[in-house]
Amino acid sequence: MRGTALVILAAALPLTACGSSSPNSSTTATTPPAAASSHRTPTVTTTPTTSVVAAPDGVPLCAAGDLTVSLGQQGGAAGSIYVPIVFTNTGPAPCALSGYPAVSLAAGNPPAPLGPEAEPDSTAPATPPPVTVAPTESAHATLRYSQAGNYDCERAPAQYLLIHPPNQPTAVTKPFTADACVKPAYLLLHIEAIKPGKEN
């Protein structure tokens, strides 16, 4: 009987060892990409989701007619592209910009949003201070685009950025070639708060 028990115990040991390794292999096979926590359903909005902050005393908020929008020089690092979105005061008097521009990838004619709208960068303040922009001077917000090629998703080519200046309902369209993740609709865009100057 003792010999029989030893044989049974020896046969069980390999099975136990195999069983302990299978959960790890299963977890590895089903682990979602790092961006899965940013999975969003695409939304199309006509009103930008900006953080509204009061302008300094005596300085009005910049009106759409007093701003020109341009894209600064792109830079790249660790699978991301950084693009300064530059707002130049073309009006006759100082004005203030506050909060965050609303930005999304877009395609088509007329351009329509592709994927989720940009969210504030994780290091950006919830209520950033307003920035006063003198005539002919500029302020900017840096957009970070995480390249769709980093993720396992169905992609769609974007041709533009749709940019709503802070607190403005009308979007400005700027050429921008990139891919959007549409299935799943991963969040690829993050935006910093408005800062003085044309770029960091």
Protein backbone atom coordinates (compact mmCIF):
# COMPACT_ATOMS: atom_id res chain seq x y z
CA MET A 1 0.00 0.00 0.00
CA ARG A 2 2.81 2.37 0.87
CA GLY A 3 4.43 1.77 -2.51
CA THR A 4 1.16 2.41 -4.28
CA ALA A 5 0.71 5.75 -2.44
CA LEU A 6 4.18 6.90 -3.49
CA VAL A 7 3.45 6.10 -7.12
CA ILE A 8 0.20 8.11 -7.02
CA LEU A 9 1.94 11.08 -5.34
CA ALA A 10 4.74 11.09 -7.92
CA ALA A 11 2.22 11.06 -10.76
CA ALA A 12 0.31 14.00 -9.26
CA LEU A 13 3.34 16.31 -8.99
CA PRO A 14 3.74 17.05 -12.74
CA LEU A 15 0.04 17.81 -12.98
CA THR A 16 0.28 20.31 -10.11
CA ALA A 17 3.26 22.05 -11.72
CA CYS A 18 1.45 22.34 -15.05
CA GLY A 19 -1.67 23.68 -13.39
CA SER A 20 0.27 26.45 -11.64
CA SER A 21 1.66 27.84 -14.94
CA SER A 22 -1.56 27.98 -16.95
CA PRO A 23 -3.10 31.10 -15.31
CA ASN A 24 -0.03 33.15 -16.23
CA SER A 25 -0.11 32.10 -19.88
CA SER A 26 -3.85 32.82 -20.05
CA THR A 27 -3.36 36.30 -18.54
CA THR A 28 -0.63 37.13 -21.05
CA ALA A 29 -2.80 36.14 -23.99
CA THR A 30 -5.75 38.29 -22.91
CA THR A 31 -3.95 41.39 -21.59
CA PRO A 32 -5.33 44.46 -23.43
CA PRO A 33 -2.98 47.13 -24.85
CA ALA A 34 -1.76 49.87 -22.57
CA ALA A 35 -4.25 52.29 -24.11
CA ALA A 36 -7.26 50.14 -23.22
CA SER A 37 -7.94 52.33 -20.20
CA SER A 38 -8.39 55.20 -22.70
CA HIS A 39 -11.09 53.38 -24.66
CA ARG A 40 -13.85 55.85 -25.49
CA THR A 41 -16.94 55.88 -27.68
CA PRO A 42 -16.61 58.50 -30.45
CA THR A 43 -18.75 61.57 -29.90
CA VAL A 44 -19.70 64.37 -32.26
CA THR A 45 -20.35 67.67 -30.52
CA THR A 46 -21.05 71.17 -31.74
CA THR A 47 -20.10 72.82 -28.45
CA PRO A 48 -16.46 72.48 -27.35
CA THR A 49 -15.86 70.94 -23.94
CA THR A 50 -13.53 73.64 -22.64
CA SER A 51 -12.75 74.69 -19.11
CA VAL A 52 -14.15 78.22 -18.73
CA VAL A 53 -12.13 80.63 -16.58
CA ALA A 54 -12.93 84.28 -16.00
CA ALA A 55 -10.75 86.75 -17.89
CA PRO A 56 -8.54 89.19 -15.95
CA ASP A 57 -10.24 92.43 -14.91
CA GLY A 58 -10.60 94.78 -17.86
CA VAL A 59 -9.39 92.22 -20.42
CA PRO A 60 -12.13 90.68 -22.58
CA LEU A 61 -12.04 87.08 -23.74
CA CYS A 62 -10.67 86.73 -27.27
CA ALA A 63 -13.39 86.72 -29.91
CA ALA A 64 -13.22 84.32 -32.84
CA GLY A 65 -12.81 87.21 -35.28
CA ASP A 66 -9.71 88.41 -33.44
CA LEU A 67 -7.84 85.11 -33.58
CA THR A 68 -5.93 83.23 -36.23
CA VAL A 69 -5.11 79.56 -35.62
CA SER A 70 -2.00 77.81 -36.92
CA LEU A 71 0.04 74.70 -36.18
CA GLY A 72 3.58 75.02 -34.89
CA GLN A 73 6.51 72.75 -35.58
CA GLN A 74 5.84 69.08 -34.81
CA GLY A 75 8.07 66.99 -32.58
CA GLY A 76 8.05 63.32 -31.69
CA ALA A 77 9.00 61.07 -28.79
CA ALA A 78 8.16 57.52 -27.63
CA GLY A 79 5.39 56.82 -30.14
CA SER A 80 3.74 60.24 -29.81
CA ILE A 81 3.65 63.40 -31.92
CA TYR A 82 3.53 66.83 -30.25
CA VAL A 83 1.94 69.74 -32.12
CA PRO A 84 1.68 73.30 -30.76
CA ILE A 85 -1.68 74.84 -31.67
CA VAL A 86 -0.98 78.56 -31.92
CA PHE A 87 -3.57 81.31 -31.37
CA THR A 88 -2.51 84.78 -32.57
CA ASN A 89 -4.36 87.95 -31.57
CA THR A 90 -5.09 89.88 -34.77
CA GLY A 91 -7.40 92.33 -33.02
CA PRO A 92 -6.64 95.93 -31.97
CA ALA A 93 -6.56 95.32 -28.19
CA PRO A 94 -5.35 92.73 -25.68
CA CYS A 95 -7.65 89.78 -25.05
CA ALA A 96 -7.59 86.71 -22.85
CA LEU A 97 -7.61 82.98 -23.58
CA SER A 98 -8.48 80.52 -20.84
CA GLY A 99 -8.88 76.79 -20.43
CA TYR A 100 -8.40 74.26 -23.20
CA PRO A 101 -9.19 74.23 -26.91
CA ALA A 102 -11.41 71.38 -28.09
CA VAL A 103 -9.55 69.28 -30.69
CA SER A 104 -10.43 66.16 -32.67
CA LEU A 105 -9.16 64.26 -35.69
CA ALA A 106 -11.40 64.63 -38.72
CA ALA A 107 -11.94 63.46 -42.29
CA GLY A 108 -14.37 64.00 -45.14
CA ASN A 109 -15.95 66.98 -46.86
CA PRO A 110 -17.16 68.71 -44.80
CA PRO A 111 -14.74 67.40 -42.16
CA ALA A 112 -16.37 65.24 -39.49
CA PRO A 113 -14.75 64.05 -36.24
CA LEU A 114 -13.01 60.67 -36.11
CA GLY A 115 -12.68 59.12 -32.67
CA PRO A 116 -12.85 60.81 -29.29
CA GLU A 117 -12.12 64.47 -28.68
CA ALA A 118 -8.86 65.40 -26.97
CA GLU A 119 -8.82 65.22 -23.20
CA PRO A 120 -6.71 67.43 -20.91
CA ASP A 121 -3.25 66.03 -20.31
CA SER A 122 -2.91 64.20 -17.01
CA THR A 123 -0.43 66.82 -15.76
CA ALA A 124 -2.58 69.79 -16.80
CA PRO A 125 -4.37 71.84 -14.10
CA ALA A 126 -8.14 71.48 -13.79
CA THR A 127 -8.62 75.26 -13.83
CA PRO A 128 -5.64 76.84 -15.59
CA PRO A 129 -5.09 80.59 -15.26
CA PRO A 130 -6.11 82.83 -18.16
CA VAL A 131 -3.44 84.10 -20.54
CA THR A 132 -3.54 87.70 -21.79
CA VAL A 133 -2.51 88.02 -25.44
CA ALA A 134 -1.44 91.43 -26.76
CA PRO A 135 -2.14 92.45 -30.38
CA THR A 136 0.10 90.51 -32.84
CA GLU A 137 1.22 88.24 -29.98
CA SER A 138 0.38 84.54 -29.56
CA ALA A 139 -0.50 81.85 -27.06
CA HIS A 140 -0.47 78.09 -27.62
CA ALA A 141 -1.71 74.73 -26.38
CA THR A 142 0.33 71.62 -27.14
CA LEU A 143 -1.53 68.64 -28.59
CA ARG A 144 -0.15 65.14 -28.01
CA TYR A 145 -1.16 62.51 -30.56
CA SER A 146 -0.44 58.87 -29.63
CA GLN A 147 0.15 57.08 -32.92
CA ALA A 148 -2.57 54.59 -33.83
CA GLY A 149 0.07 52.11 -34.98
CA ASN A 150 0.87 51.47 -31.31
CA TYR A 151 -2.54 49.83 -30.78
CA ASP A 152 -4.46 46.84 -32.05
CA CYS A 153 -7.43 48.59 -33.62
CA GLU A 154 -9.22 49.23 -36.89
CA ARG A 155 -7.87 52.49 -38.27
CA ALA A 156 -9.30 55.26 -40.39
CA PRO A 157 -7.18 57.97 -42.05
CA ALA A 158 -7.66 61.52 -40.77
CA GLN A 159 -6.90 64.52 -42.92
CA TYR A 160 -7.55 67.38 -40.51
CA LEU A 161 -7.65 68.67 -36.99
CA LEU A 162 -10.92 70.31 -35.94
CA ILE A 163 -9.93 73.01 -33.45
CA HIS A 164 -12.33 75.04 -31.31
CA PRO A 165 -10.48 77.95 -29.68
CA PRO A 166 -11.29 78.14 -25.96
CA ASN A 167 -14.89 79.19 -25.32
CA GLN A 168 -15.66 79.39 -29.06
CA PRO A 169 -18.43 77.32 -30.73
CA THR A 170 -16.98 77.50 -34.26
CA ALA A 171 -14.23 75.11 -35.28
CA VAL A 172 -11.18 75.91 -37.38
CA THR A 173 -9.94 73.18 -39.73
CA LYS A 174 -6.21 72.57 -40.18
CA PRO A 175 -4.55 69.90 -42.38
CA PHE A 176 -3.12 67.03 -40.32
CA THR A 177 -2.34 63.56 -41.62
CA ALA A 178 -2.76 60.75 -39.09
CA ASP A 179 -4.75 57.60 -38.34
CA ALA A 180 -7.61 57.35 -35.86
CA CYS A 181 -8.51 54.18 -33.96
CA VAL A 182 -12.20 53.63 -34.68
CA LYS A 183 -12.75 50.01 -33.56
CA PRO A 184 -12.08 50.10 -30.64
CA ALA A 185 -12.22 53.89 -30.44
CA TYR A 186 -9.10 54.49 -28.38
CA LEU A 187 -8.40 57.96 -27.10
CA LEU A 188 -5.33 59.18 -29.01
CA LEU A 189 -5.39 62.94 -28.33
CA HIS A 190 -4.43 64.88 -25.20
CA ILE A 191 -4.24 68.65 -24.91
CA GLU A 192 -2.37 70.98 -22.58
CA ALA A 193 -3.77 74.21 -21.21
CA ILE A 194 -3.21 77.51 -22.99
CA LYS A 195 0.27 78.97 -22.34
CA PRO A 196 1.91 82.24 -23.43
CA GLY A 197 4.01 82.31 -26.59
CA LYS A 198 4.05 80.28 -29.80
CA GLU A 199 5.46 77.09 -28.28
CA ASN A 200 7.24 75.67 -25.25
